[in-house]
Amino acid sequence: MSTKRDYYEILGVSKGAGADEIKKAYRKVAMQFHPDRNPGDKEAEEKFKEAAEAYEVLSDTDKRAKYDRYGHSAFGPGTGGFGGGHGNMEDIFSQFGDIFGDDIFGNFFGGGGGGRRGGGGGRRATGQRGSNLRVKLKLTYEEIAKGVTKNIKVKKYVPCNTCSGSGAKDKGSVSTCGTCQGSGQVRRVQNTFLGQMQTVTTCPTCNGEGSTITSKCGSCKGEGRVYGEEMVSLDIPAGVQEGMQLSLSGKGNAGERGGYPGDLIVLVEEEAHPTLHRDGLNVAYDLFISFPDAVFGTQVEVPTIDGKAKIKIPAGTQSGKIFRLKGKGFPEVNGYSKGDQLIHVNVWTPQNVTNEERETLEKLNNSNNFKPHPDKNDKSFFEKIKEAFS
């Protein structure tokens, strides 16, 4: 039984690659091993299927997160994942053909307006694809801990309502391109010393759309889109971290003249908390107590990301002691782990004292109980840090 290769290795990208980089890498690999370029080559066909399988997982935010955590085992039988690859080449063309823009398979291999998709009569993409948009979204610790749905206004290009995105004044203002006769492609035959060589390129007159506009829409000036805004709903999973990116397919800029819309890339930013600090899944808090409280012990209330919690400070607590509240940290994205809250105790030393207080402290300083007597059970600062974050 053969071992599956790493999906990132198959596409030749790093684990930190963005959606655009993954899509570009898949295009390159798919073109290299496309069956029409390698007729009868079973090895190339398998690599083509392998690339399609890798792209299906890495282009999906949820599937990619599961793969990064569990590897190929995340998509074994009964997991609802990829399930072992595609056996049917037409399924692959149907499922992934759209990422190749204006029918790049047809342009390379003479597909006559549809390439292999749909047996030569498949849909040809019209217009130009819209660009991706990037927005930053600030989240509080509380929102990150529980997950949240955010509704945000995104300023972007949206389809023109007047012409429904066609760019034409009316239906009668669109005519079949005279150069390509509606195919969107121009076929040229050249005589070479090897014989006749046929090439198929995108029609320069209609840019592959197969039609031209004789009278433009007055609202969008023929672009099929106008600048406006859209309310976008974002479902943010619990546990996201600063710098993470979430991709919403088709929520970017509208394409020109009915072209596919781009994607909306959401960059997560963490809003600083007034008292807490994040360290991975854990939350850290600095607790300051007075010297008498450290000596006699006390009970204090500390803030957490989901409210407040009471903890007991034992008598004789040393400065630097770290208490741990299990499960009071952040959850793991699409996982089951949860961090803790670490409470670092600082015994407050007064900076200004009265004459009476000074006399009392000088008397105490001469007492044997107030002289440091660390024993082997008292851990060093570095041991405490190592223990807290282990």
Protein backbone atom coordinates (compact mmCIF):
# COMPACT_ATOMS: atom_id res chain seq x y z
CA MET A 1 0.00 0.00 0.00
CA SER A 2 1.55 3.33 -1.08
CA THR A 3 1.98 6.19 1.38
CA LYS A 4 0.27 9.45 0.54
CA ARG A 5 2.53 12.42 -0.09
CA ASP A 6 2.20 15.64 1.88
CA TYR A 7 -0.37 17.96 0.25
CA TYR A 8 1.90 21.00 0.59
CA GLU A 9 4.74 19.05 -1.02
CA ILE A 10 2.50 18.02 -3.93
CA LEU A 11 1.69 21.66 -4.76
CA GLY A 12 5.16 22.91 -3.88
CA VAL A 13 4.06 25.47 -1.28
CA SER A 14 4.88 26.13 2.37
CA LYS A 15 2.44 25.53 5.22
CA GLY A 16 1.99 29.27 5.60
CA ALA A 17 0.95 29.78 1.96
CA GLY A 18 -2.11 31.96 1.32
CA ALA A 19 -5.16 31.06 -0.75
CA ASP A 20 -3.89 32.87 -3.87
CA GLU A 21 -0.49 31.15 -3.69
CA ILE A 22 -2.13 27.72 -3.32
CA LYS A 23 -4.43 28.38 -6.28
CA LYS A 24 -1.53 29.55 -8.45
CA ALA A 25 0.54 26.50 -7.48
CA TYR A 26 -2.34 24.15 -8.33
CA ARG A 27 -2.75 25.76 -11.76
CA LYS A 28 0.94 25.19 -12.47
CA VAL A 29 0.97 21.54 -11.38
CA ALA A 30 -2.34 20.74 -13.09
CA MET A 31 -1.13 22.24 -16.36
CA GLN A 32 2.12 20.24 -16.14
CA PHE A 33 0.39 16.88 -15.67
CA HIS A 34 -2.83 17.52 -17.59
CA PRO A 35 -3.85 14.35 -19.51
CA ASP A 36 -4.16 16.28 -22.79
CA ARG A 37 -0.53 17.26 -22.47
CA ASN A 38 0.52 13.74 -21.52
CA PRO A 39 -1.65 11.37 -23.57
CA GLY A 40 -1.42 7.78 -22.39
CA ASP A 41 0.86 8.67 -19.47
CA LYS A 42 -0.70 6.96 -16.45
CA GLU A 43 1.88 8.43 -14.06
CA ALA A 44 1.03 11.98 -15.19
CA GLU A 45 -2.69 11.24 -14.82
CA GLU A 46 -2.16 10.04 -11.25
CA LYS A 47 -0.16 13.17 -10.40
CA PHE A 48 -2.96 15.28 -11.89
CA LYS A 49 -5.48 13.53 -9.62
CA GLU A 50 -3.09 13.87 -6.68
CA ALA A 51 -2.85 17.63 -7.24
CA ALA A 52 -6.64 17.92 -7.42
CA GLU A 53 -6.96 16.07 -4.12
CA ALA A 54 -4.39 18.34 -2.47
CA TYR A 55 -6.10 21.47 -3.78
CA GLU A 56 -9.55 20.38 -2.59
CA VAL A 57 -8.26 20.13 0.99
CA LEU A 58 -5.88 23.12 1.10
CA SER A 59 -8.32 25.50 -0.60
CA ASP A 60 -10.98 24.81 2.05
CA THR A 61 -10.36 26.62 5.37
CA ASP A 62 -11.96 23.93 7.56
CA LYS A 63 -10.41 20.96 5.73
CA ARG A 64 -7.01 22.61 5.75
CA ALA A 65 -7.19 23.20 9.52
CA LYS A 66 -8.05 19.53 10.09
CA TYR A 67 -5.25 18.39 7.76
CA ASP A 68 -2.70 20.63 9.50
CA ARG A 69 -3.65 19.04 12.83
CA TYR A 70 -4.28 15.39 11.94
CA GLY A 71 -2.68 14.89 8.52
CA HIS A 72 -4.19 12.38 6.08
CA SER A 73 -5.93 10.55 8.91
CA ALA A 74 -8.39 13.47 9.14
CA PHE A 75 -9.98 12.29 5.89
CA GLY A 76 -10.14 8.57 6.32
CA PRO A 77 -13.31 6.49 5.75
CA GLY A 78 -16.34 7.95 7.48
CA THR A 79 -14.76 11.34 8.28
CA GLY A 80 -16.54 13.28 5.57
CA GLY A 81 -13.24 14.41 4.08
CA PHE A 82 -11.71 13.87 0.69
CA GLY A 83 -12.12 10.13 1.01
CA GLY A 84 -9.32 8.77 -1.12
CA GLY A 85 -9.18 10.84 -4.28
CA HIS A 86 -11.04 11.15 -7.58
CA GLY A 87 -11.41 8.22 -9.87
CA ASN A 88 -13.20 10.04 -12.67
CA MET A 89 -11.28 12.64 -14.69
CA GLU A 90 -14.42 14.44 -15.80
CA ASP A 91 -15.34 14.95 -12.14
CA ILE A 92 -12.04 16.72 -11.64
CA PHE A 93 -12.56 19.01 -14.64
CA SER A 94 -16.08 19.81 -13.45
CA GLN A 95 -15.06 20.44 -9.86
CA PHE A 96 -11.89 22.45 -10.39
CA GLY A 97 -12.22 23.89 -13.88
CA ASP A 98 -13.43 27.29 -12.70
CA ILE A 99 -10.15 28.23 -11.06
CA PHE A 100 -8.47 28.29 -14.48
CA GLY A 101 -10.18 31.56 -15.46
CA ASP A 102 -11.07 31.98 -19.13
CA ASP A 103 -10.91 28.29 -19.99
CA ILE A 104 -7.16 27.86 -19.90
CA PHE A 105 -7.47 24.14 -20.65
CA GLY A 106 -9.22 24.97 -23.91
CA ASN A 107 -6.63 27.61 -24.82
CA PHE A 108 -3.77 25.15 -24.39
CA PHE A 109 -5.29 22.08 -25.93
CA GLY A 110 -7.75 23.33 -28.54
CA GLY A 111 -10.91 22.59 -26.59
CA GLY A 112 -13.12 24.66 -28.88
CA GLY A 113 -14.76 26.86 -26.23
CA GLY A 114 -15.03 24.39 -23.42
CA GLY A 115 -11.98 22.16 -23.41
CA ARG A 116 -12.73 18.85 -21.75
CA ARG A 117 -15.38 20.33 -19.50
CA GLY A 118 -18.79 19.24 -20.57
CA GLY A 119 -17.52 17.40 -23.65
CA GLY A 120 -16.72 20.55 -25.67
CA GLY A 121 -19.95 22.37 -24.89
CA GLY A 122 -19.16 23.49 -21.36
CA ARG A 123 -19.72 26.94 -19.91
CA ARG A 124 -17.17 29.58 -20.82
CA ALA A 125 -16.35 32.18 -18.17
CA THR A 126 -17.46 35.69 -19.18
CA GLY A 127 -15.98 39.01 -18.19
CA GLN A 128 -12.95 39.48 -15.98
CA ARG A 129 -12.64 38.04 -12.50
CA GLY A 130 -12.86 40.54 -9.67
CA SER A 131 -9.87 41.15 -7.43
CA ASN A 132 -9.54 39.86 -3.88
CA LEU A 133 -10.13 42.21 -0.96
CA ARG A 134 -8.34 42.26 2.37
CA VAL A 135 -9.86 43.66 5.54
CA LYS A 136 -8.67 43.74 9.14
CA LEU A 137 -11.01 42.68 11.93
CA LYS A 138 -10.30 43.45 15.60
CA LEU A 139 -11.65 40.99 18.14
CA THR A 140 -11.79 41.14 21.92
CA TYR A 141 -10.52 38.30 24.12
CA GLU A 142 -14.12 37.45 24.98
CA GLU A 143 -15.11 37.20 21.29
CA ILE A 144 -12.08 35.04 20.52
CA ALA A 145 -12.78 32.72 23.44
CA LYS A 146 -16.40 31.99 22.45
CA GLY A 147 -16.45 32.61 18.69
CA VAL A 148 -18.64 35.32 17.22
CA THR A 149 -20.64 36.32 14.15
CA LYS A 150 -19.64 39.76 12.86
CA ASN A 151 -21.57 41.82 10.35
CA ILE A 152 -19.29 44.33 8.63
CA LYS A 153 -19.75 46.81 5.81
CA VAL A 154 -17.28 46.23 3.01
CA LYS A 155 -16.67 48.98 0.46
CA LYS A 156 -16.07 47.30 -2.87
CA TYR A 157 -17.23 46.87 -6.48
CA VAL A 158 -20.71 45.36 -6.66
CA PRO A 159 -22.74 44.23 -9.73
CA CYS A 160 -24.54 47.08 -11.51
CA ASN A 161 -28.28 46.91 -10.81
CA THR A 162 -29.17 48.78 -14.00
CA CYS A 163 -27.71 46.22 -16.41
CA SER A 164 -27.57 43.26 -14.00
CA GLY A 165 -23.81 43.15 -14.45
CA SER A 166 -23.77 42.74 -18.25
CA GLY A 167 -22.36 46.20 -18.97
CA ALA A 168 -24.81 46.67 -21.88
CA LYS A 169 -27.53 49.30 -22.20
CA ASP A 170 -30.09 46.59 -23.01
CA LYS A 171 -30.30 43.08 -24.43
CA GLY A 172 -30.17 44.43 -27.95
CA SER A 173 -26.85 46.12 -27.26
CA VAL A 174 -24.94 42.84 -27.18
CA SER A 175 -23.79 41.19 -30.39
CA THR A 176 -21.78 38.09 -31.25
CA CYS A 177 -18.09 38.82 -31.71
CA GLY A 178 -17.24 38.94 -35.40
CA THR A 179 -13.64 37.84 -34.88
CA CYS A 180 -14.26 34.54 -33.06
CA GLN A 181 -17.93 34.05 -34.05
CA GLY A 182 -18.91 33.71 -30.41
CA SER A 183 -16.42 31.00 -29.41
CA GLY A 184 -14.17 33.35 -27.45
CA GLN A 185 -11.13 31.78 -29.07
CA VAL A 186 -9.07 32.31 -32.18
CA ARG A 187 -7.59 29.25 -33.86
CA ARG A 188 -4.45 29.65 -35.96
CA VAL A 189 -2.71 27.07 -38.13
CA GLN A 190 0.97 27.53 -39.02
CA ASN A 191 3.14 25.46 -41.34
CA THR A 192 6.41 24.34 -39.74
CA PHE A 193 9.10 21.86 -40.70
CA LEU A 194 7.31 19.38 -38.45
CA GLY A 195 4.06 19.92 -40.29
CA GLN A 196 1.04 22.03 -39.42
CA MET A 197 0.95 23.47 -35.91
CA GLN A 198 -2.39 24.58 -34.48
CA THR A 199 -2.67 27.09 -31.64
CA VAL A 200 -5.76 28.34 -29.84
CA THR A 201 -5.67 31.71 -28.07
CA THR A 202 -8.16 33.99 -26.38
CA CYS A 203 -9.92 36.26 -28.85
CA PRO A 204 -8.28 39.73 -28.67
CA THR A 205 -11.48 41.51 -29.75
CA CYS A 206 -13.85 40.25 -27.03
CA ASN A 207 -11.24 39.01 -24.52
CA GLY A 208 -12.72 35.52 -24.67
CA GLU A 209 -16.31 36.54 -23.90
CA GLY A 210 -17.67 35.67 -27.34
CA SER A 211 -19.69 38.87 -27.55
CA THR A 212 -19.19 42.61 -27.76
CA ILE A 213 -21.19 45.54 -26.41
CA THR A 214 -22.47 48.00 -28.98
CA SER A 215 -24.05 50.40 -26.48
CA LYS A 216 -22.74 50.64 -22.90
CA CYS A 217 -24.81 50.89 -19.74
CA GLY A 218 -25.02 54.50 -18.60
CA SER A 219 -24.65 53.64 -14.90
CA CYS A 220 -21.50 51.54 -14.98
CA LYS A 221 -20.05 52.75 -18.32
CA GLY A 222 -19.90 49.19 -19.65
CA GLU A 223 -18.01 47.63 -16.71
CA GLY A 224 -21.02 45.78 -15.32
CA ARG A 225 -20.14 46.91 -11.81
CA VAL A 226 -20.17 50.05 -9.68
CA TYR A 227 -18.42 51.06 -6.48
CA GLY A 228 -20.62 50.55 -3.45
CA GLU A 229 -20.76 48.54 -0.25
CA GLU A 230 -22.13 45.25 1.00
CA MET A 231 -22.95 43.95 4.45
CA VAL A 232 -20.99 40.74 4.91
CA SER A 233 -21.64 38.26 7.72
CA LEU A 234 -18.51 36.59 9.15
CA ASP A 235 -18.62 33.49 11.34
CA ILE A 236 -15.43 33.65 13.42
CA PRO A 237 -14.54 30.31 15.05
CA ALA A 238 -13.45 30.27 18.69
CA GLY A 239 -9.71 30.34 19.35
CA VAL A 240 -8.44 32.35 16.38
CA GLN A 241 -5.15 34.18 16.90
CA GLU A 242 -3.52 37.41 15.79
CA GLY A 243 -2.36 37.14 12.18
CA MET A 244 -4.73 34.34 11.14
CA GLN A 245 -6.51 34.79 7.82
CA LEU A 246 -10.06 33.70 7.02
CA SER A 247 -11.16 33.50 3.38
CA LEU A 248 -14.72 34.07 2.16
CA SER A 249 -15.11 32.85 -1.41
CA GLY A 250 -16.90 35.23 -3.79
CA LYS A 251 -17.16 38.11 -1.30
CA GLY A 252 -14.45 40.26 -2.88
CA ASN A 253 -14.80 42.76 -5.74
CA ALA A 254 -17.41 41.93 -8.37
CA GLY A 255 -15.95 40.95 -11.74
CA GLU A 256 -16.36 43.06 -14.85
CA ARG A 257 -19.30 42.20 -17.13
CA GLY A 258 -20.43 39.17 -15.17
CA GLY A 259 -16.98 37.84 -14.30
CA TYR A 260 -16.47 35.77 -11.17
CA PRO A 261 -16.14 37.83 -7.96
CA GLY A 262 -12.91 37.78 -6.00
CA ASP A 263 -12.53 36.54 -2.43
CA LEU A 264 -12.61 38.45 0.83
CA ILE A 265 -9.56 37.83 3.00
CA VAL A 266 -10.12 38.69 6.67
CA LEU A 267 -7.00 39.32 8.78
CA VAL A 268 -7.59 38.73 12.49
CA GLU A 269 -6.27 41.28 14.97
CA GLU A 270 -6.51 40.96 18.76
CA GLU A 271 -7.72 43.92 20.77
CA ALA A 272 -5.48 44.45 23.79
CA HIS A 273 -7.06 43.43 27.10
CA PRO A 274 -6.68 45.87 30.00
CA THR A 275 -5.34 43.26 32.45
CA LEU A 276 -4.82 39.92 30.68
CA HIS A 277 -2.12 38.80 28.26
CA ARG A 278 -2.27 35.96 25.76
CA ASP A 279 0.41 33.33 25.26
CA GLY A 280 -0.80 30.77 22.75
CA LEU A 281 -3.78 29.04 24.32
CA ASN A 282 -2.90 30.27 27.81
CA VAL A 283 -3.86 33.55 29.49
CA ALA A 284 -1.49 35.31 31.90
CA TYR A 285 -2.40 37.67 34.73
CA ASP A 286 -0.16 39.62 37.12
CA LEU A 287 -1.59 39.63 40.66
CA PHE A 288 -0.19 42.12 43.16
CA ILE A 289 -0.72 41.44 46.87
CA SER A 290 0.49 43.22 50.00
CA PHE A 291 3.22 41.85 52.28
CA PRO A 292 0.76 41.11 55.13
CA ASP A 293 -1.52 39.20 52.72
CA ALA A 294 1.45 37.14 51.57
CA VAL A 295 2.29 36.36 55.21
CA PHE A 296 -1.20 35.61 56.54
CA GLY A 297 -2.85 34.41 53.30
CA THR A 298 -6.02 35.77 51.75
CA GLN A 299 -8.74 35.20 49.14
CA VAL A 300 -8.80 37.41 46.03
CA GLU A 301 -10.92 37.81 42.94
CA VAL A 302 -9.15 37.82 39.56
CA PRO A 303 -10.46 38.63 36.06
CA THR A 304 -10.72 35.89 33.42
CA ILE A 305 -11.76 35.98 29.78
CA ASP A 306 -15.26 34.86 30.71
CA GLY A 307 -15.87 36.71 33.98
CA LYS A 308 -14.20 36.58 37.38
CA ALA A 309 -12.84 33.81 39.57
CA LYS A 310 -11.90 33.61 43.25
CA ILE A 311 -8.61 32.04 44.30
CA LYS A 312 -7.09 31.34 47.71
CA ILE A 313 -3.63 32.69 48.48
CA PRO A 314 -2.06 30.40 51.13
CA ALA A 315 -0.18 31.86 54.06
CA GLY A 316 3.54 32.30 53.33
CA THR A 317 3.10 32.67 49.57
CA GLN A 318 6.34 33.83 47.94
CA SER A 319 6.60 36.49 45.27
CA GLY A 320 6.84 34.79 41.87
CA LYS A 321 4.46 31.96 42.77
CA ILE A 322 2.32 30.92 39.79
CA PHE A 323 -1.21 29.60 40.25
CA ARG A 324 -3.00 27.79 37.45
CA LEU A 325 -6.74 27.90 36.65
CA LYS A 326 -7.34 24.84 34.45
CA GLY A 327 -9.42 25.37 31.32
CA LYS A 328 -9.68 29.15 31.75
CA GLY A 329 -7.62 29.88 28.64
CA PHE A 330 -8.48 29.94 24.93
CA PRO A 331 -9.87 26.95 22.98
CA GLU A 332 -7.97 25.47 20.07
CA VAL A 333 -9.33 26.37 16.63
CA ASN A 334 -11.32 23.39 15.31
CA GLY A 335 -9.85 21.28 18.09
CA TYR A 336 -10.59 19.98 21.56
CA SER A 337 -7.72 21.40 23.61
CA LYS A 338 -8.11 24.39 25.89
CA GLY A 339 -5.51 26.53 27.59
CA ASP A 340 -5.24 27.61 31.23
CA GLN A 341 -5.04 30.91 33.06
CA LEU A 342 -1.69 31.47 34.78
CA ILE A 343 -1.68 33.87 37.75
CA HIS A 344 1.73 35.30 38.60
CA VAL A 345 1.93 36.56 42.19
CA ASN A 346 3.88 39.75 42.90
CA VAL A 347 4.33 40.80 46.54
CA TRP A 348 4.10 44.58 46.53
CA THR A 349 6.99 46.42 48.17
CA PRO A 350 6.08 49.90 49.51
CA GLN A 351 8.22 52.68 48.06
CA ASN A 352 7.38 55.27 50.72
CA VAL A 353 6.99 54.56 54.45
CA THR A 354 6.35 56.70 57.53
CA ASN A 355 8.82 56.99 60.40
CA GLU A 356 6.63 54.71 62.52
CA GLU A 357 6.47 52.10 59.74
CA ARG A 358 10.23 52.32 59.26
CA GLU A 359 10.86 51.63 62.95
CA THR A 360 8.51 48.62 62.84
CA LEU A 361 10.20 47.22 59.73
CA GLU A 362 13.68 47.68 61.22
CA LYS A 363 12.61 45.68 64.27
CA LEU A 364 11.16 42.95 62.04
CA ASN A 365 14.31 42.88 59.94
CA ASN A 366 16.25 41.74 62.97
CA SER A 367 13.85 38.84 63.51
CA ASN A 368 15.08 35.46 62.35
CA ASN A 369 11.69 34.71 60.71
CA PHE A 370 12.15 37.63 58.33
CA LYS A 371 15.52 36.52 57.02
CA PRO A 372 15.42 34.48 53.73
CA HIS A 373 15.63 30.75 54.34
CA PRO A 374 14.97 29.06 50.97
CA ASP A 375 14.93 25.28 51.06
CA LYS A 376 15.17 22.64 48.37
CA ASN A 377 11.41 22.72 47.83
CA ASP A 378 11.48 26.38 46.79
CA LYS A 379 11.79 26.35 42.99
CA SER A 380 13.82 28.87 41.06
CA PHE A 381 12.21 31.46 38.80
CA PHE A 382 13.18 29.52 35.68
CA GLU A 383 11.79 26.29 37.09
CA LYS A 384 8.50 28.05 37.85
CA ILE A 385 8.26 29.43 34.28
CA LYS A 386 9.11 26.05 32.79
CA GLU A 387 6.50 24.34 34.96
CA ALA A 388 3.82 26.93 34.19
CA PHE A 389 4.15 26.63 30.44
CA SER A 390 4.78 22.90 30.21
